[in-house]
C-alpha atoms as a PDB file:
ATOM      1  CA  MET A   1      23.871 -12.667  -1.690  1.00  0.00           C
ATOM      2  CA  ARG A   2      21.896  -9.515  -2.328  1.00  0.00           C
ATOM      3  CA  SER A   3      19.447  -7.802  -0.011  1.00  0.00           C
ATOM      4  CA  VAL A   4      15.670  -7.376  -0.009  1.00  0.00           C
ATOM      5  CA  VAL A   5      13.318  -5.035   1.783  1.00  0.00           C
ATOM      6  CA  ILE A   6       9.816  -6.384   2.315  1.00  0.00           C
ATOM      7  CA  CYS A   7       6.833  -4.041   2.185  1.00  0.00           C
ATOM      8  CA  GLY A   8       3.331  -5.104   3.091  1.00  0.00           C
ATOM      9  CA  SER A   9       0.325  -4.686   5.300  1.00  0.00           C
ATOM     10  CA  ARG A  10       0.370  -5.493   9.004  1.00  0.00           C
ATOM     11  CA  ARG A  11      -2.652  -7.726   8.346  1.00  0.00           C
ATOM     12  CA  TYR A  12      -0.216 -10.212   6.767  1.00  0.00           C
ATOM     13  CA  ARG A  13       2.299 -10.018   9.597  1.00  0.00           C
ATOM     14  CA  PRO A  14       2.615 -13.796  10.215  1.00  0.00           C
ATOM     15  CA  GLU A  15       3.092 -14.536   6.516  1.00  0.00           C
ATOM     16  CA  ILE A  16       5.597 -11.704   6.027  1.00  0.00           C
ATOM     17  CA  VAL A  17       7.615 -12.819   9.059  1.00  0.00           C
ATOM     18  CA  GLU A  18       7.713 -16.381   7.720  1.00  0.00           C
ATOM     19  CA  PHE A  19       8.641 -15.231   4.191  1.00  0.00           C
ATOM     20  CA  ALA A  20      11.476 -13.088   5.601  1.00  0.00           C
ATOM     21  CA  LYS A  21      12.707 -15.916   7.818  1.00  0.00           C
ATOM     22  CA  ARG A  22      12.892 -18.290   4.863  1.00  0.00           C
ATOM     23  CA  LEU A  23      14.797 -15.715   2.772  1.00  0.00           C
ATOM     24  CA  GLN A  24      17.294 -15.302   5.604  1.00  0.00           C
ATOM     25  CA  GLU A  25      17.717 -19.072   5.851  1.00  0.00           C
ATOM     26  CA  LEU A  26      18.593 -18.997   2.130  1.00  0.00           C
ATOM     27  CA  GLY A  27      21.301 -16.423   2.796  1.00  0.00           C
ATOM     28  CA  VAL A  28      19.496 -13.238   1.793  1.00  0.00           C
ATOM     29  CA  VAL A  29      19.910 -10.064   3.830  1.00  0.00           C
ATOM     30  CA  VAL A  30      16.352  -8.979   4.690  1.00  0.00           C
ATOM     31  CA  PHE A  31      15.269  -5.521   5.796  1.00  0.00           C
ATOM     32  CA  ALA A  32      11.736  -5.960   7.086  1.00  0.00           C
ATOM     33  CA  GLN A  33       9.409  -3.275   8.309  1.00  0.00           C
ATOM     34  CA  TYR A  34       8.415  -3.116  11.925  1.00  0.00           C
ATOM     35  CA  LEU A  35       4.998  -4.769  12.097  1.00  0.00           C
ATOM     36  CA  HIS A  36       3.695  -4.111  15.579  1.00  0.00           C
ATOM     37  CA  GLU A  37       1.105  -6.461  17.002  1.00  0.00           C
ATOM     38  CA  GLY A  38      -0.472  -4.258  19.606  1.00  0.00           C
ATOM     39  CA  LYS A  39      -3.662  -2.694  18.339  1.00  0.00           C
ATOM     40  CA  ASP A  40      -4.684  -2.138  21.965  1.00  0.00           C
ATOM     41  CA  GLU A  41      -1.429  -0.296  22.697  1.00  0.00           C
ATOM     42  CA  TRP A  42      -1.835   1.813  19.564  1.00  0.00           C
ATOM     43  CA  GLU A  43      -5.338   2.858  20.579  1.00  0.00           C
ATOM     44  CA  LYS A  44      -4.016   4.071  23.942  1.00  0.00           C
ATOM     45  CA  LEU A  45      -1.577   6.514  22.307  1.00  0.00           C
ATOM     46  CA  SER A  46      -2.473  10.164  21.961  1.00  0.00           C
ATOM     47  CA  ASP A  47      -2.952  11.513  18.434  1.00  0.00           C
ATOM     48  CA  GLN A  48       0.351  13.392  18.792  1.00  0.00           C
ATOM     49  CA  TYR A  49       2.254  10.191  19.672  1.00  0.00           C
ATOM     50  CA  LYS A  50       0.541   8.306  16.854  1.00  0.00           C
ATOM     51  CA  LYS A  51       1.787  10.923  14.379  1.00  0.00           C
ATOM     52  CA  PHE A  52       5.280  10.841  15.875  1.00  0.00           C
ATOM     53  CA  THR A  53       5.366   7.028  15.742  1.00  0.00           C
ATOM     54  CA  ALA A  54       4.037   6.916  12.173  1.00  0.00           C
ATOM     55  CA  LEU A  55       6.650   9.452  11.080  1.00  0.00           C
ATOM     56  CA  GLY A  56       9.451   7.424  12.652  1.00  0.00           C
ATOM     57  CA  LEU A  57       8.253   4.151  11.150  1.00  0.00           C
ATOM     58  CA  THR A  58       7.857   5.733   7.714  1.00  0.00           C
ATOM     59  CA  HIS A  59      11.364   7.204   7.733  1.00  0.00           C
ATOM     60  CA  ASP A  60      12.784   3.936   9.085  1.00  0.00           C
ATOM     61  CA  HIS A  61      11.250   1.978   6.238  1.00  0.00           C
ATOM     62  CA  PHE A  62      12.389   4.521   3.636  1.00  0.00           C
ATOM     63  CA  HIS A  63      15.933   4.058   4.954  1.00  0.00           C
ATOM     64  CA  LYS A  64      15.579   0.278   4.596  1.00  0.00           C
ATOM     65  CA  ILE A  65      14.400   0.749   1.008  1.00  0.00           C
ATOM     66  CA  GLU A  66      17.520   2.815   0.312  1.00  0.00           C
ATOM     67  CA  MET A  67      19.780   0.098   1.763  1.00  0.00           C
ATOM     68  CA  ALA A  68      18.209  -2.838  -0.080  1.00  0.00           C
ATOM     69  CA  ASP A  69      19.000  -4.003  -3.580  1.00  0.00           C
ATOM     70  CA  VAL A  70      15.447  -5.127  -4.296  1.00  0.00           C
ATOM     71  CA  VAL A  71      11.982  -4.259  -2.986  1.00  0.00           C
ATOM     72  CA  PHE A  72       9.463  -7.050  -2.481  1.00  0.00           C
ATOM     73  CA  VAL A  73       5.806  -6.172  -1.957  1.00  0.00           C
ATOM     74  CA  TYR A  74       3.904  -8.801  -0.014  1.00  0.00           C
ATOM     75  CA  ASN A  75       0.486  -8.036  -1.475  1.00  0.00           C
ATOM     76  CA  LYS A  76      -1.434 -11.228  -0.780  1.00  0.00           C
ATOM     77  CA  ASP A  77      -4.701 -11.305  -2.733  1.00  0.00           C
ATOM     78  CA  GLY A  78      -3.537  -8.104  -4.444  1.00  0.00           C
ATOM     79  CA  TYR A  79      -3.929  -5.944  -1.339  1.00  0.00           C
ATOM     80  CA  SER A  80      -1.582  -3.012  -0.752  1.00  0.00           C
ATOM     81  CA  GLY A  81      -2.567  -0.418   1.807  1.00  0.00           C
ATOM     82  CA  ASN A  82      -1.736   3.274   1.918  1.00  0.00           C
ATOM     83  CA  SER A  83       1.657   2.839   3.574  1.00  0.00           C
ATOM     84  CA  THR A  84       2.715   0.136   1.129  1.00  0.00           C
ATOM     85  CA  THR A  85       1.629   2.308  -1.793  1.00  0.00           C
ATOM     86  CA  LEU A  86       3.731   5.140  -0.380  1.00  0.00           C
ATOM     87  CA  GLU A  87       6.706   2.770  -0.038  1.00  0.00           C
ATOM     88  CA  ILE A  88       6.291   1.608  -3.644  1.00  0.00           C
ATOM     89  CA  GLY A  89       6.447   5.238  -4.760  1.00  0.00           C
ATOM     90  CA  TYR A  90       9.575   5.807  -2.691  1.00  0.00           C
ATOM     91  CA  ALA A  91      11.167   2.677  -4.126  1.00  0.00           C
ATOM     92  CA  MET A  92      10.505   3.978  -7.643  1.00  0.00           C
ATOM     93  CA  ALA A  93      11.989   7.363  -6.736  1.00  0.00           C
ATOM     94  CA  THR A  94      15.150   5.612  -5.528  1.00  0.00           C
ATOM     95  CA  LYS A  95      15.231   3.480  -8.701  1.00  0.00           C
ATOM     96  CA  LYS A  96      14.863   0.140  -6.938  1.00  0.00           C
ATOM     97  CA  PRO A  97      13.542  -2.903  -8.794  1.00  0.00           C
ATOM     98  CA  ILE A  98      10.178  -3.887  -7.330  1.00  0.00           C
ATOM     99  CA  TYR A  99       8.710  -7.378  -7.276  1.00  0.00           C
ATOM    100  CA  ALA A 100       5.437  -8.525  -5.749  1.00  0.00           C
ATOM    101  CA  PHE A 101       3.731 -11.571  -4.345  1.00  0.00           C
ATOM    102  CA  SER A 102       0.422 -11.299  -6.226  1.00  0.00           C
ATOM    103  CA  ASP A 103      -0.439 -10.204  -9.751  1.00  0.00           C
ATOM    104  CA  LYS A 104      -4.024  -9.493  -8.685  1.00  0.00           C
ATOM    105  CA  ASP A 105      -3.466  -5.855  -7.668  1.00  0.00           C
ATOM    106  CA  GLU A 106      -6.519  -3.882  -8.788  1.00  0.00           C
ATOM    107  CA  GLU A 107      -4.614  -0.595  -8.915  1.00  0.00           C
ATOM    108  CA  LEU A 108      -3.092  -0.363 -12.379  1.00  0.00           C
ATOM    109  CA  CYS A 109      -0.675   2.404 -11.343  1.00  0.00           C
ATOM    110  CA  ARG A 110       0.879   0.039  -8.760  1.00  0.00           C
ATOM    111  CA  SER A 111       0.851  -3.126 -10.792  1.00  0.00           C
ATOM    112  CA  VAL A 112       2.653  -1.610 -13.789  1.00  0.00           C
ATOM    113  CA  LEU A 113       5.633  -0.924 -11.510  1.00  0.00           C
ATOM    114  CA  PHE A 114       6.187  -4.586 -10.578  1.00  0.00           C
ATOM    115  CA  ARG A 115       8.889  -6.380 -12.568  1.00  0.00           C
ATOM    116  CA  GLY A 116       7.678  -9.849 -11.648  1.00  0.00           C
ATOM    117  CA  TYR A 117       5.743 -11.949  -9.178  1.00  0.00           C
ATOM    118  CA  PHE A 118       7.028 -14.552  -6.746  1.00  0.00           C
ATOM    119  CA  THR A 119       5.017 -16.563  -4.229  1.00  0.00           C
ATOM    120  CA  THR A 120       7.977 -18.336  -2.632  1.00  0.00           C
ATOM    121  CA  PRO A 121      11.295 -17.119  -1.270  1.00  0.00           C
ATOM    122  CA  GLU A 122      13.025 -19.756  -3.403  1.00  0.00           C
ATOM    123  CA  ASP A 123      11.635 -18.178  -6.576  1.00  0.00           C
ATOM    124  CA  LEU A 124      12.450 -14.639  -5.456  1.00  0.00           C
ATOM    125  CA  ILE A 125      16.118 -15.390  -4.832  1.00  0.00           C
ATOM    126  CA  LYS A 126      16.532 -16.392  -8.464  1.00  0.00           C
ATOM    127  CA  VAL A 127      16.386 -12.689  -9.420  1.00  0.00           C
ATOM    128  CA  LEU A 128      18.867 -11.787  -6.693  1.00  0.00           C
ATOM    129  CA  LYS A 129      21.799 -13.686  -8.145  1.00  0.00           C
END
């Protein structure tokens, strides 16, 4: 089975975790981003540590994009934040096929890059075979 990296906003953390879990149950290798829960912990960090942490997380996710066969953008209700937009650009630069959850993305420059839309893991794996 092929591999997928999931990109998406931390605001959808529970849904992304569940989507990834179901893909794994179906035999897909999933590279998911680190979606921390601790807003309180983040606020306690100095600006320097926030930058260091953001840099590490960004490079970590870029590496996962490089390893995966396919990029899946979990953009519920069409929402993709700044980090996800950056990851979409990186995926294009590395010539990865990109699929998304929602076709309601208001940003035309993002939406034209998606090859298809899948709201269930079962539908997504059909393009992985």
